Amino acid sequence: PDLTKRVAVVTGAAGGIGRATAILLAEHGARVTAADFKLDPANDEPYRKLGIVQTLCDVRREEPLRQLIDETVARCGRIDILVNNAGIGPLTPVLEITPDEWDRGLEINLKGAFL
């Protein structure tokens, strides 16, 4: 589809599905903001070529999310597409997960989607 007049925000865009989604949206013409709690330098060149803006954002906290939205709207005028992709899966076997690991997963996967 032609997305040349659309503005997109993709969370969890440092790698995997989020990265692929940000690139695909940009290839179809969308102005994309790619947000993650870390930035992957490997994305610098492909994102730059497609005009994708990388930004840091911790989806577990309301203020960074407000800042992400405010900065995108200030730069682009609006947001048409939200890909709420940020998420993690513990690599620890289920019987060995600590309460801190459990809480982190809930904060990113559930609270982040809610906020």
PDB file of N, CA and C in Angstrom:
ATOM      1  N   PRO A   1       0.825  -1.208   0.000  1.00  0.00           N
ATOM      2  CA  PRO A   1       0.000   0.000   0.000  1.00  0.00           C
ATOM      3  C   PRO A   1       0.866   1.268   0.000  1.00  0.00           C
ATOM      4  N   ASP A   2       0.300   2.328  -0.503  1.00  0.00           N
ATOM      5  CA  ASP A   2       0.980   3.609  -0.505  1.00  0.00           C
ATOM      6  C   ASP A   2       0.753   4.291   0.843  1.00  0.00           C
ATOM      7  N   LEU A   3       1.830   4.453   1.608  1.00  0.00           N
ATOM      8  CA  LEU A   3       1.749   5.062   2.938  1.00  0.00           C
ATOM      9  C   LEU A   3       2.442   6.425   2.980  1.00  0.00           C
ATOM     10  N   THR A   4       2.590   7.065   1.826  1.00  0.00           N
ATOM     11  CA  THR A   4       3.373   8.304   1.763  1.00  0.00           C
ATOM     12  C   THR A   4       2.808   9.436   2.602  1.00  0.00           C
ATOM     13  N   LYS A   5       1.564   9.390   2.955  1.00  0.00           N
ATOM     14  CA  LYS A   5       0.989  10.461   3.779  1.00  0.00           C
ATOM     15  C   LYS A   5       0.727  10.000   5.208  1.00  0.00           C
ATOM     16  N   ARG A   6       1.349   8.902   5.595  1.00  0.00           N
ATOM     17  CA  ARG A   6       1.124   8.340   6.922  1.00  0.00           C
ATOM     18  C   ARG A   6       2.351   8.511   7.810  1.00  0.00           C
ATOM     19  N   VAL A   7       2.088   8.599   9.117  1.00  0.00           N
ATOM     20  CA  VAL A   7       3.133   8.716  10.134  1.00  0.00           C
ATOM     21  C   VAL A   7       2.987   7.522  11.060  1.00  0.00           C
ATOM     22  N   ALA A   8       4.078   6.806  11.283  1.00  0.00           N
ATOM     23  CA  ALA A   8       4.045   5.588  12.092  1.00  0.00           C
ATOM     24  C   ALA A   8       5.032   5.664  13.248  1.00  0.00           C
ATOM     25  N   VAL A   9       4.633   5.050  14.368  1.00  0.00           N
ATOM     26  CA  VAL A   9       5.512   4.842  15.510  1.00  0.00           C
ATOM     27  C   VAL A   9       5.561   3.341  15.744  1.00  0.00           C
ATOM     28  N   VAL A  10       6.773   2.804  15.842  1.00  0.00           N
ATOM     29  CA  VAL A  10       6.964   1.377  16.093  1.00  0.00           C
ATOM     30  C   VAL A  10       7.785   1.236  17.362  1.00  0.00           C
ATOM     31  N   THR A  11       7.237   0.568  18.377  1.00  0.00           N
ATOM     32  CA  THR A  11       8.004   0.286  19.588  1.00  0.00           C
ATOM     33  C   THR A  11       8.667  -1.075  19.443  1.00  0.00           C
ATOM     34  N   GLY A  12       9.730  -1.279  20.212  1.00  0.00           N
ATOM     35  CA  GLY A  12      10.477  -2.531  20.103  1.00  0.00           C
ATOM     36  C   GLY A  12      11.149  -2.657  18.754  1.00  0.00           C
ATOM     37  N   ALA A  13      11.668  -1.528  18.237  1.00  0.00           N
ATOM     38  CA  ALA A  13      12.153  -1.485  16.861  1.00  0.00           C
ATOM     39  C   ALA A  13      13.665  -1.615  16.720  1.00  0.00           C
ATOM     40  N   ALA A  14      14.355  -2.016  17.768  1.00  0.00           N
ATOM     41  CA  ALA A  14      15.806  -2.189  17.658  1.00  0.00           C
ATOM     42  C   ALA A  14      16.171  -3.462  16.904  1.00  0.00           C
ATOM     43  N   GLY A  15      15.270  -4.415  16.862  1.00  0.00           N
ATOM     44  CA  GLY A  15      15.564  -5.662  16.181  1.00  0.00           C
ATOM     45  C   GLY A  15      14.305  -6.459  15.908  1.00  0.00           C
ATOM     46  N   GLY A  16      14.479  -7.600  15.308  1.00  0.00           N
ATOM     47  CA  GLY A  16      13.400  -8.555  15.094  1.00  0.00           C
ATOM     48  C   GLY A  16      12.214  -8.001  14.322  1.00  0.00           C
ATOM     49  N   ILE A  17      11.024  -8.341  14.799  1.00  0.00           N
ATOM     50  CA  ILE A  17       9.780  -7.958  14.133  1.00  0.00           C
ATOM     51  C   ILE A  17       9.629  -6.442  14.085  1.00  0.00           C
ATOM     52  N   GLY A  18      10.001  -5.751  15.157  1.00  0.00           N
ATOM     53  CA  GLY A  18       9.879  -4.296  15.189  1.00  0.00           C
ATOM     54  C   GLY A  18      10.749  -3.628  14.139  1.00  0.00           C
ATOM     55  N   ARG A  19      11.977  -4.090  14.025  1.00  0.00           N
ATOM     56  CA  ARG A  19      12.897  -3.539  13.012  1.00  0.00           C
ATOM     57  C   ARG A  19      12.349  -3.786  11.615  1.00  0.00           C
ATOM     58  N   ALA A  20      11.934  -5.004  11.350  1.00  0.00           N
ATOM     59  CA  ALA A  20      11.400  -5.354  10.036  1.00  0.00           C
ATOM     60  C   ALA A  20      10.145  -4.537   9.719  1.00  0.00           C
ATOM     61  N   THR A  21       9.307  -4.320  10.710  1.00  0.00           N
ATOM     62  CA  THR A  21       8.082  -3.538  10.509  1.00  0.00           C
ATOM     63  C   THR A  21       8.405  -2.084  10.208  1.00  0.00           C
ATOM     64  N   ALA A  22       9.336  -1.498  10.960  1.00  0.00           N
ATOM     65  CA  ALA A  22       9.728  -0.104  10.721  1.00  0.00           C
ATOM     66  C   ALA A  22      10.260   0.060   9.297  1.00  0.00           C
ATOM     67  N   ILE A  23      11.100  -0.865   8.874  1.00  0.00           N
ATOM     68  CA  ILE A  23      11.677  -0.800   7.526  1.00  0.00           C
ATOM     69  C   ILE A  23      10.589  -0.957   6.468  1.00  0.00           C
ATOM     70  N   LEU A  24       9.696  -1.915   6.643  1.00  0.00           N
ATOM     71  CA  LEU A  24       8.633  -2.140   5.669  1.00  0.00           C
ATOM     72  C   LEU A  24       7.718  -0.927   5.540  1.00  0.00           C
ATOM     73  N   LEU A  25       7.338  -0.345   6.675  1.00  0.00           N
ATOM     74  CA  LEU A  25       6.495   0.854   6.636  1.00  0.00           C
ATOM     75  C   LEU A  25       7.197   1.989   5.894  1.00  0.00           C
ATOM     76  N   ALA A  26       8.485   2.185   6.183  1.00  0.00           N
ATOM     77  CA  ALA A  26       9.246   3.244   5.515  1.00  0.00           C
ATOM     78  C   ALA A  26       9.397   2.961   4.022  1.00  0.00           C
ATOM     79  N   GLU A  27       9.609   1.709   3.668  1.00  0.00           N
ATOM     80  CA  GLU A  27       9.718   1.353   2.246  1.00  0.00           C
ATOM     81  C   GLU A  27       8.428   1.651   1.483  1.00  0.00           C
ATOM     82  N   HIS A  28       7.306   1.638   2.198  1.00  0.00           N
ATOM     83  CA  HIS A  28       6.018   1.961   1.582  1.00  0.00           C
ATOM     84  C   HIS A  28       5.667   3.432   1.720  1.00  0.00           C
ATOM     85  N   GLY A  29       6.640   4.234   2.191  1.00  0.00           N
ATOM     86  CA  GLY A  29       6.477   5.677   2.183  1.00  0.00           C
ATOM     87  C   GLY A  29       6.131   6.339   3.499  1.00  0.00           C
ATOM     88  N   ALA A  30       5.867   5.586   4.552  1.00  0.00           N
ATOM     89  CA  ALA A  30       5.511   6.194   5.836  1.00  0.00           C
ATOM     90  C   ALA A  30       6.708   6.891   6.466  1.00  0.00           C
ATOM     91  N   ARG A  31       6.433   7.942   7.213  1.00  0.00           N
ATOM     92  CA  ARG A  31       7.446   8.588   8.046  1.00  0.00           C
ATOM     93  C   ARG A  31       7.434   7.831   9.365  1.00  0.00           C
ATOM     94  N   VAL A  32       8.549   7.210   9.718  1.00  0.00           N
ATOM     95  CA  VAL A  32       8.590   6.253  10.823  1.00  0.00           C
ATOM     96  C   VAL A  32       9.489   6.734  11.954  1.00  0.00           C
ATOM     97  N   THR A  33       8.973   6.604  13.180  1.00  0.00           N
ATOM     98  CA  THR A  33       9.784   6.738  14.385  1.00  0.00           C
ATOM     99  C   THR A  33       9.930   5.344  14.962  1.00  0.00           C
ATOM    100  N   ALA A  34      11.174   4.896  15.127  1.00  0.00           N
ATOM    101  CA  ALA A  34      11.490   3.568  15.654  1.00  0.00           C
ATOM    102  C   ALA A  34      11.990   3.733  17.085  1.00  0.00           C
ATOM    103  N   ALA A  35      11.245   3.202  18.043  1.00  0.00           N
ATOM    104  CA  ALA A  35      11.568   3.388  19.456  1.00  0.00           C
ATOM    105  C   ALA A  35      11.935   2.064  20.113  1.00  0.00           C
ATOM    106  N   ASP A  36      12.906   2.138  21.017  1.00  0.00           N
ATOM    107  CA  ASP A  36      13.304   0.960  21.790  1.00  0.00           C
ATOM    108  C   ASP A  36      14.051   1.443  23.025  1.00  0.00           C
ATOM    109  N   PHE A  37      14.217   0.561  24.006  1.00  0.00           N
ATOM    110  CA  PHE A  37      14.954   0.940  25.215  1.00  0.00           C
ATOM    111  C   PHE A  37      16.459   0.940  24.987  1.00  0.00           C
ATOM    112  N   LYS A  38      16.873   0.420  23.818  1.00  0.00           N
ATOM    113  CA  LYS A  38      18.278   0.474  23.424  1.00  0.00           C
ATOM    114  C   LYS A  38      18.319   0.754  21.929  1.00  0.00           C
ATOM    115  N   LEU A  39      19.413   1.341  21.482  1.00  0.00           N
ATOM    116  CA  LEU A  39      19.582   1.579  20.053  1.00  0.00           C
ATOM    117  C   LEU A  39      20.642   0.625  19.532  1.00  0.00           C
ATOM    118  N   ASP A  40      20.383   0.018  18.398  1.00  0.00           N
ATOM    119  CA  ASP A  40      21.340  -0.893  17.782  1.00  0.00           C
ATOM    120  C   ASP A  40      22.059  -0.155  16.668  1.00  0.00           C
ATOM    121  N   PRO A  41      23.379   0.057  16.800  1.00  0.00           N
ATOM    122  CA  PRO A  41      24.130   0.770  15.760  1.00  0.00           C
ATOM    123  C   PRO A  41      23.999   0.133  14.377  1.00  0.00           C
ATOM    124  N   ALA A  42      23.680  -1.142  14.318  1.00  0.00           N
ATOM    125  CA  ALA A  42      23.495  -1.811  13.023  1.00  0.00           C
ATOM    126  C   ALA A  42      22.313  -1.223  12.249  1.00  0.00           C
ATOM    127  N   ASN A  43      21.413  -0.535  12.948  1.00  0.00           N
ATOM    128  CA  ASN A  43      20.261   0.076  12.279  1.00  0.00           C
ATOM    129  C   ASN A  43      20.566   1.461  11.718  1.00  0.00           C
ATOM    130  N   ASP A  44      21.671   2.059  12.117  1.00  0.00           N
ATOM    131  CA  ASP A  44      21.965   3.439  11.720  1.00  0.00           C
ATOM    132  C   ASP A  44      21.868   3.651  10.212  1.00  0.00           C
ATOM    133  N   GLU A  45      22.589   2.861   9.435  1.00  0.00           N
ATOM    134  CA  GLU A  45      22.609   3.067   7.986  1.00  0.00           C
ATOM    135  C   GLU A  45      21.271   2.757   7.322  1.00  0.00           C
ATOM    136  N   PRO A  46      20.681   1.572   7.562  1.00  0.00           N
ATOM    137  CA  PRO A  46      19.400   1.319   6.878  1.00  0.00           C
ATOM    138  C   PRO A  46      18.300   2.291   7.319  1.00  0.00           C
ATOM    139  N   TYR A  47      18.274   2.646   8.578  1.00  0.00           N
ATOM    140  CA  TYR A  47      17.257   3.588   9.047  1.00  0.00           C
ATOM    141  C   TYR A  47      17.490   4.965   8.438  1.00  0.00           C
ATOM    142  N   ARG A  48      18.744   5.392   8.392  1.00  0.00           N
ATOM    143  CA  ARG A  48      19.067   6.708   7.818  1.00  0.00           C
ATOM    144  C   ARG A  48      18.648   6.754   6.348  1.00  0.00           C
ATOM    145  N   LYS A  49      18.954   5.713   5.595  1.00  0.00           N
ATOM    146  CA  LYS A  49      18.615   5.673   4.164  1.00  0.00           C
ATOM    147  C   LYS A  49      17.115   5.780   3.935  1.00  0.00           C
ATOM    148  N   LEU A  50      16.332   5.243   4.859  1.00  0.00           N
ATOM    149  CA  LEU A  50      14.874   5.257   4.718  1.00  0.00           C
ATOM    150  C   LEU A  50      14.217   6.425   5.458  1.00  0.00           C
ATOM    151  N   GLY A  51      15.021   7.234   6.136  1.00  0.00           N
ATOM    152  CA  GLY A  51      14.477   8.372   6.868  1.00  0.00           C
ATOM    153  C   GLY A  51      13.813   8.007   8.182  1.00  0.00           C
ATOM    154  N   ILE A  52      14.111   6.829   8.691  1.00  0.00           N
ATOM    155  CA  ILE A  52      13.532   6.391   9.961  1.00  0.00           C
ATOM    156  C   ILE A  52      14.273   7.081  11.106  1.00  0.00           C
ATOM    157  N   VAL A  53      13.523   7.644  12.026  1.00  0.00           N
ATOM    158  CA  VAL A  53      14.099   8.298  13.196  1.00  0.00           C
ATOM    159  C   VAL A  53      14.143   7.295  14.332  1.00  0.00           C
ATOM    160  N   GLN A  54      15.340   7.047  14.872  1.00  0.00           N
ATOM    161  CA  GLN A  54      15.499   6.166  16.035  1.00  0.00           C
ATOM    162  C   GLN A  54      15.441   6.999  17.304  1.00  0.00           C
ATOM    163  N   THR A  55      14.765   6.472  18.298  1.00  0.00           N
ATOM    164  CA  THR A  55      14.712   7.169  19.577  1.00  0.00           C
ATOM    165  C   THR A  55      14.639   6.164  20.716  1.00  0.00           C
ATOM    166  N   LEU A  56      15.188   6.574  21.847  1.00  0.00           N
ATOM    167  CA  LEU A  56      15.118   5.742  23.050  1.00  0.00           C
ATOM    168  C   LEU A  56      13.768   5.919  23.722  1.00  0.00           C
ATOM    169  N   CYS A  57      13.200   4.827  24.186  1.00  0.00           N
ATOM    170  CA  CYS A  57      11.939   4.900  24.925  1.00  0.00           C
ATOM    171  C   CYS A  57      11.749   3.621  25.731  1.00  0.00           C
ATOM    172  N   ASP A  58      11.526   3.794  27.018  1.00  0.00           N
ATOM    173  CA  ASP A  58      11.213   2.674  27.909  1.00  0.00           C
ATOM    174  C   ASP A  58       9.696   2.622  28.053  1.00  0.00           C
ATOM    175  N   VAL A  59       9.070   1.623  27.439  1.00  0.00           N
ATOM    176  CA  VAL A  59       7.606   1.544  27.420  1.00  0.00           C
ATOM    177  C   VAL A  59       6.994   1.259  28.785  1.00  0.00           C
ATOM    178  N   ARG A  60       7.836   0.961  29.764  1.00  0.00           N
ATOM    179  CA  ARG A  60       7.326   0.693  31.118  1.00  0.00           C
ATOM    180  C   ARG A  60       6.991   1.975  31.864  1.00  0.00           C
ATOM    181  N   ARG A  61       7.380   3.114  31.317  1.00  0.00           N
ATOM    182  CA  ARG A  61       7.218   4.394  32.005  1.00  0.00           C
ATOM    183  C   ARG A  61       6.367   5.346  31.160  1.00  0.00           C
ATOM    184  N   GLU A  62       5.446   6.012  31.808  1.00  0.00           N
ATOM    185  CA  GLU A  62       4.519   6.899  31.103  1.00  0.00           C
ATOM    186  C   GLU A  62       5.218   8.116  30.479  1.00  0.00           C
ATOM    187  N   GLU A  63       6.132   8.738  31.195  1.00  0.00           N
ATOM    188  CA  GLU A  63       6.760   9.970  30.699  1.00  0.00           C
ATOM    189  C   GLU A  63       7.550   9.764  29.402  1.00  0.00           C
ATOM    190  N   PRO A  64       8.398   8.723  29.287  1.00  0.00           N
ATOM    191  CA  PRO A  64       9.088   8.527  28.004  1.00  0.00           C
ATOM    192  C   PRO A  64       8.118   8.281  26.841  1.00  0.00           C
ATOM    193  N   LEU A  65       6.991   7.630  27.120  1.00  0.00           N
ATOM    194  CA  LEU A  65       6.002   7.397  26.066  1.00  0.00           C
ATOM    195  C   LEU A  65       5.340   8.696  25.647  1.00  0.00           C
ATOM    196  N   ARG A  66       5.019   9.538  26.619  1.00  0.00           N
ATOM    197  CA  ARG A  66       4.446  10.852  26.288  1.00  0.00           C
ATOM    198  C   ARG A  66       5.431  11.663  25.443  1.00  0.00           C
ATOM    199  N   GLN A  67       6.702  11.599  25.818  1.00  0.00           N
ATOM    200  CA  GLN A  67       7.739  12.318  25.078  1.00  0.00           C
ATOM    201  C   GLN A  67       7.854  11.781  23.650  1.00  0.00           C
ATOM    202  N   LEU A  68       7.801  10.459  23.489  1.00  0.00           N
ATOM    203  CA  LEU A  68       7.845   9.836  22.162  1.00  0.00           C
ATOM    204  C   LEU A  68       6.706  10.359  21.288  1.00  0.00           C
ATOM    205  N   ILE A  69       5.508  10.376  21.834  1.00  0.00           N
ATOM    206  CA  ILE A  69       4.346  10.834  21.083  1.00  0.00           C
ATOM    207  C   ILE A  69       4.460  12.324  20.777  1.00  0.00           C
ATOM    208  N   ASP A  70       4.792  13.124  21.799  1.00  0.00           N
ATOM    209  CA  ASP A  70       4.899  14.573  21.611  1.00  0.00           C
ATOM    210  C   ASP A  70       5.952  14.931  20.564  1.00  0.00           C
ATOM    211  N   GLU A  71       7.113  14.274  20.610  1.00  0.00           N
ATOM    212  CA  GLU A  71       8.184  14.576  19.652  1.00  0.00           C
ATOM    213  C   GLU A  71       7.789  14.158  18.231  1.00  0.00           C
ATOM    214  N   THR A  72       7.112  13.029  18.114  1.00  0.00           N
ATOM    215  CA  THR A  72       6.681  12.581  16.785  1.00  0.00           C
ATOM    216  C   THR A  72       5.644  13.528  16.210  1.00  0.00           C
ATOM    217  N   VAL A  73       4.680  13.929  17.028  1.00  0.00           N
ATOM    218  CA  VAL A  73       3.651  14.864  16.563  1.00  0.00           C
ATOM    219  C   VAL A  73       4.267  16.222  16.224  1.00  0.00           C
ATOM    220  N   ALA A  74       5.226  16.671  17.039  1.00  0.00           N
ATOM    221  CA  ALA A  74       5.890  17.954  16.754  1.00  0.00           C
ATOM    222  C   ALA A  74       6.642  17.894  15.419  1.00  0.00           C
ATOM    223  N   ARG A  75       7.260  16.773  15.129  1.00  0.00           N
ATOM    224  CA  ARG A  75       8.050  16.623  13.907  1.00  0.00           C
ATOM    225  C   ARG A  75       7.168  16.357  12.686  1.00  0.00           C
ATOM    226  N   CYS A  76       6.104  15.573  12.865  1.00  0.00           N
ATOM    227  CA  CYS A  76       5.332  15.089  11.713  1.00  0.00           C
ATOM    228  C   CYS A  76       3.894  15.597  11.653  1.00  0.00           C
ATOM    229  N   GLY A  77       3.413  16.202  12.730  1.00  0.00           N
ATOM    230  CA  GLY A  77       2.059  16.746  12.729  1.00  0.00           C
ATOM    231  C   GLY A  77       0.977  15.828  13.259  1.00  0.00           C
ATOM    232  N   ARG A  78       1.233  14.545  13.283  1.00  0.00           N
ATOM    233  CA  ARG A  78       0.226  13.579  13.749  1.00  0.00           C
ATOM    234  C   ARG A  78       0.849  12.185  13.803  1.00  0.00           C
ATOM    235  N   ILE A  79       0.046  11.219  14.252  1.00  0.00           N
ATOM    236  CA  ILE A  79       0.417   9.804  14.193  1.00  0.00           C
ATOM    237  C   ILE A  79      -0.781   9.053  13.628  1.00  0.00           C
ATOM    238  N   ASP A  80      -0.539   8.287  12.569  1.00  0.00           N
ATOM    239  CA  ASP A  80      -1.602   7.513  11.934  1.00  0.00           C
ATOM    240  C   ASP A  80      -1.534   6.030  12.285  1.00  0.00           C
ATOM    241  N   ILE A  81      -0.323   5.546  12.533  1.00  0.00           N
ATOM    242  CA  ILE A  81      -0.105   4.110  12.737  1.00  0.00           C
ATOM    243  C   ILE A  81       0.724   3.914  13.993  1.00  0.00           C
ATOM    244  N   LEU A  82       0.250   3.044  14.883  1.00  0.00           N
ATOM    245  CA  LEU A  82       1.025   2.642  16.058  1.00  0.00           C
ATOM    246  C   LEU A  82       1.210   1.135  15.999  1.00  0.00           C
ATOM    247  N   VAL A  83       2.470   0.717  16.003  1.00  0.00           N
ATOM    248  CA  VAL A  83       2.784  -0.703  16.082  1.00  0.00           C
ATOM    249  C   VAL A  83       3.363  -0.915  17.478  1.00  0.00           C
ATOM    250  N   ASN A  84       2.520  -1.402  18.353  1.00  0.00           N
ATOM    251  CA  ASN A  84       2.839  -1.579  19.767  1.00  0.00           C
ATOM    252  C   ASN A  84       3.537  -2.932  19.915  1.00  0.00           C
ATOM    253  N   ASN A  85       4.801  -2.977  19.521  1.00  0.00           N
ATOM    254  CA  ASN A  85       5.524  -4.223  19.351  1.00  0.00           C
ATOM    255  C   ASN A  85       6.474  -4.576  20.488  1.00  0.00           C
ATOM    256  N   ALA A  86       6.787  -3.638  21.362  1.00  0.00           N
ATOM    257  CA  ALA A  86       7.772  -3.906  22.412  1.00  0.00           C
ATOM    258  C   ALA A  86       7.336  -5.104  23.253  1.00  0.00           C
ATOM    259  N   GLY A  87       8.259  -6.013  23.464  1.00  0.00           N
ATOM    260  CA  GLY A  87       7.963  -7.184  24.280  1.00  0.00           C
ATOM    261  C   GLY A  87       9.212  -8.019  24.481  1.00  0.00           C
ATOM    262  N   ILE A  88       9.203  -8.785  25.548  1.00  0.00           N
ATOM    263  CA  ILE A  88      10.330  -9.667  25.832  1.00  0.00           C
ATOM    264  C   ILE A  88       9.805 -11.037  26.232  1.00  0.00           C
ATOM    265  N   GLY A  89      10.657 -12.002  26.120  1.00  0.00           N
ATOM    266  CA  GLY A  89      10.375 -13.348  26.605  1.00  0.00           C
ATOM    267  C   GLY A  89      11.564 -13.781  27.443  1.00  0.00           C
ATOM    268  N   PRO A  90      11.333 -14.258  28.639  1.00  0.00           N
ATOM    269  CA  PRO A  90      12.472 -14.664  29.477  1.00  0.00           C
ATOM    270  C   PRO A  90      13.207 -15.841  28.859  1.00  0.00           C
ATOM    271  N   LEU A  91      14.520 -15.806  28.964  1.00  0.00           N
ATOM    272  CA  LEU A  91      15.338 -16.911  28.478  1.00  0.00           C
ATOM    273  C   LEU A  91      15.594 -17.928  29.583  1.00  0.00           C
ATOM    274  N   THR A  92      15.192 -17.571  30.778  1.00  0.00           N
ATOM    275  CA  THR A  92      15.365 -18.431  31.947  1.00  0.00           C
ATOM    276  C   THR A  92      14.280 -19.514  31.946  1.00  0.00           C
ATOM    277  N   PRO A  93      14.622 -20.762  32.251  1.00  0.00           N
ATOM    278  CA  PRO A  93      13.587 -21.789  32.381  1.00  0.00           C
ATOM    279  C   PRO A  93      12.531 -21.365  33.403  1.00  0.00           C
ATOM    280  N   VAL A  94      11.289 -21.696  33.119  1.00  0.00           N
ATOM    281  CA  VAL A  94      10.157 -21.207  33.916  1.00  0.00           C
ATOM    282  C   VAL A  94      10.302 -21.489  35.413  1.00  0.00           C
ATOM    283  N   LEU A  95      10.864 -22.603  35.787  1.00  0.00           N
ATOM    284  CA  LEU A  95      10.998 -22.917  37.208  1.00  0.00           C
ATOM    285  C   LEU A  95      12.138 -22.163  37.880  1.00  0.00           C
ATOM    286  N   GLU A  96      12.918 -21.433  37.085  1.00  0.00           N
ATOM    287  CA  GLU A  96      14.041 -20.674  37.626  1.00  0.00           C
ATOM    288  C   GLU A  96      13.875 -19.163  37.513  1.00  0.00           C
ATOM    289  N   ILE A  97      12.751 -18.702  36.974  1.00  0.00           N
ATOM    290  CA  ILE A  97      12.520 -17.262  36.818  1.00  0.00           C
ATOM    291  C   ILE A  97      12.433 -16.607  38.189  1.00  0.00           C
ATOM    292  N   THR A  98      13.135 -15.502  38.321  1.00  0.00           N
ATOM    293  CA  THR A  98      13.089 -14.758  39.582  1.00  0.00           C
ATOM    294  C   THR A  98      11.901 -13.798  39.560  1.00  0.00           C
ATOM    295  N   PRO A  99      11.461 -13.356  40.741  1.00  0.00           N
ATOM    296  CA  PRO A  99      10.388 -12.363  40.776  1.00  0.00           C
ATOM    297  C   PRO A  99      10.733 -11.092  39.989  1.00  0.00           C
ATOM    298  N   ASP A 100      11.994 -10.667  39.996  1.00  0.00           N
ATOM    299  CA  ASP A 100      12.388  -9.476  39.231  1.00  0.00           C
ATOM    300  C   ASP A 100      12.235  -9.697  37.726  1.00  0.00           C
ATOM    301  N   GLU A 101      12.635 -10.885  37.245  1.00  0.00           N
ATOM    302  CA  GLU A 101      12.470 -11.195  35.819  1.00  0.00           C
ATOM    303  C   GLU A 101      10.987 -11.222  35.442  1.00  0.00           C
ATOM    304  N   TRP A 102      10.177 -11.819  36.303  1.00  0.00           N
ATOM    305  CA  TRP A 102       8.739 -11.889  36.082  1.00  0.00           C
ATOM    306  C   TRP A 102       8.140 -10.487  35.994  1.00  0.00           C
ATOM    307  N   ASP A 103       8.500  -9.641  36.963  1.00  0.00           N
ATOM    308  CA  ASP A 103       7.981  -8.267  36.988  1.00  0.00           C
ATOM    309  C   ASP A 103       8.402  -7.496  35.739  1.00  0.00           C
ATOM    310  N   ARG A 104       9.649  -7.652  35.307  1.00  0.00           N
ATOM    311  CA  ARG A 104      10.131  -6.951  34.118  1.00  0.00           C
ATOM    312  C   ARG A 104       9.321  -7.362  32.890  1.00  0.00           C
ATOM    313  N   GLY A 105       9.066  -8.659  32.755  1.00  0.00           N
ATOM    314  CA  GLY A 105       8.249  -9.129  31.635  1.00  0.00           C
ATOM    315  C   GLY A 105       6.847  -8.555  31.658  1.00  0.00           C
ATOM    316  N   LEU A 106       6.230  -8.525  32.835  1.00  0.00           N
ATOM    317  CA  LEU A 106       4.882  -7.959  32.945  1.00  0.00           C
ATOM    318  C   LEU A 106       4.881  -6.468  32.637  1.00  0.00           C
ATOM    319  N   GLU A 107       5.904  -5.783  33.114  1.00  0.00           N
ATOM    320  CA  GLU A 107       5.956  -4.337  32.865  1.00  0.00           C
ATOM    321  C   GLU A 107       6.106  -4.019  31.374  1.00  0.00           C
ATOM    322  N   ILE A 108       6.984  -4.724  30.706  1.00  0.00           N
ATOM    323  CA  ILE A 108       7.212  -4.452  29.283  1.00  0.00           C
ATOM    324  C   ILE A 108       6.046  -4.962  28.436  1.00  0.00           C
ATOM    325  N   ASN A 109       5.659  -6.206  28.647  1.00  0.00           N
ATOM    326  CA  ASN A 109       4.672  -6.842  27.788  1.00  0.00           C
ATOM    327  C   ASN A 109       3.240  -6.379  28.035  1.00  0.00           C
ATOM    328  N   LEU A 110       2.878  -6.127  29.286  1.00  0.00           N
ATOM    329  CA  LEU A 110       1.498  -5.757  29.599  1.00  0.00           C
ATOM    330  C   LEU A 110       1.355  -4.260  29.885  1.00  0.00           C
ATOM    331  N   LYS A 111       2.126  -3.768  30.835  1.00  0.00           N
ATOM    332  CA  LYS A 111       2.020  -2.357  31.180  1.00  0.00           C
ATOM    333  C   LYS A 111       2.409  -1.478  30.003  1.00  0.00           C
ATOM    334  N   GLY A 112       3.453  -1.883  29.271  1.00  0.00           N
ATOM    335  CA  GLY A 112       3.877  -1.118  28.107  1.00  0.00           C
ATOM    336  C   GLY A 112       2.782  -1.026  27.050  1.00  0.00           C
ATOM    337  N   ALA A 113       2.072  -2.106  26.801  1.00  0.00           N
ATOM    338  CA  ALA A 113       0.967  -2.088  25.839  1.00  0.00           C
ATOM    339  C   ALA A 113      -0.171  -1.215  26.351  1.00  0.00           C
ATOM    340  N   PHE A 114      -0.440  -1.272  27.635  1.00  0.00           N
ATOM    341  CA  PHE A 114      -1.495  -0.459  28.236  1.00  0.00           C
ATOM    342  C   PHE A 114      -1.172   1.036  28.129  1.00  0.00           C
ATOM    343  N   LEU A 115       0.061   1.393  28.525  1.00  0.00           N
ATOM    344  CA  LEU A 115       0.435   2.811  28.503  1.00  0.00           C
ATOM    345  C   LEU A 115       0.472   3.349  27.080  1.00  0.00           C
TER     346      LEU A 115
END
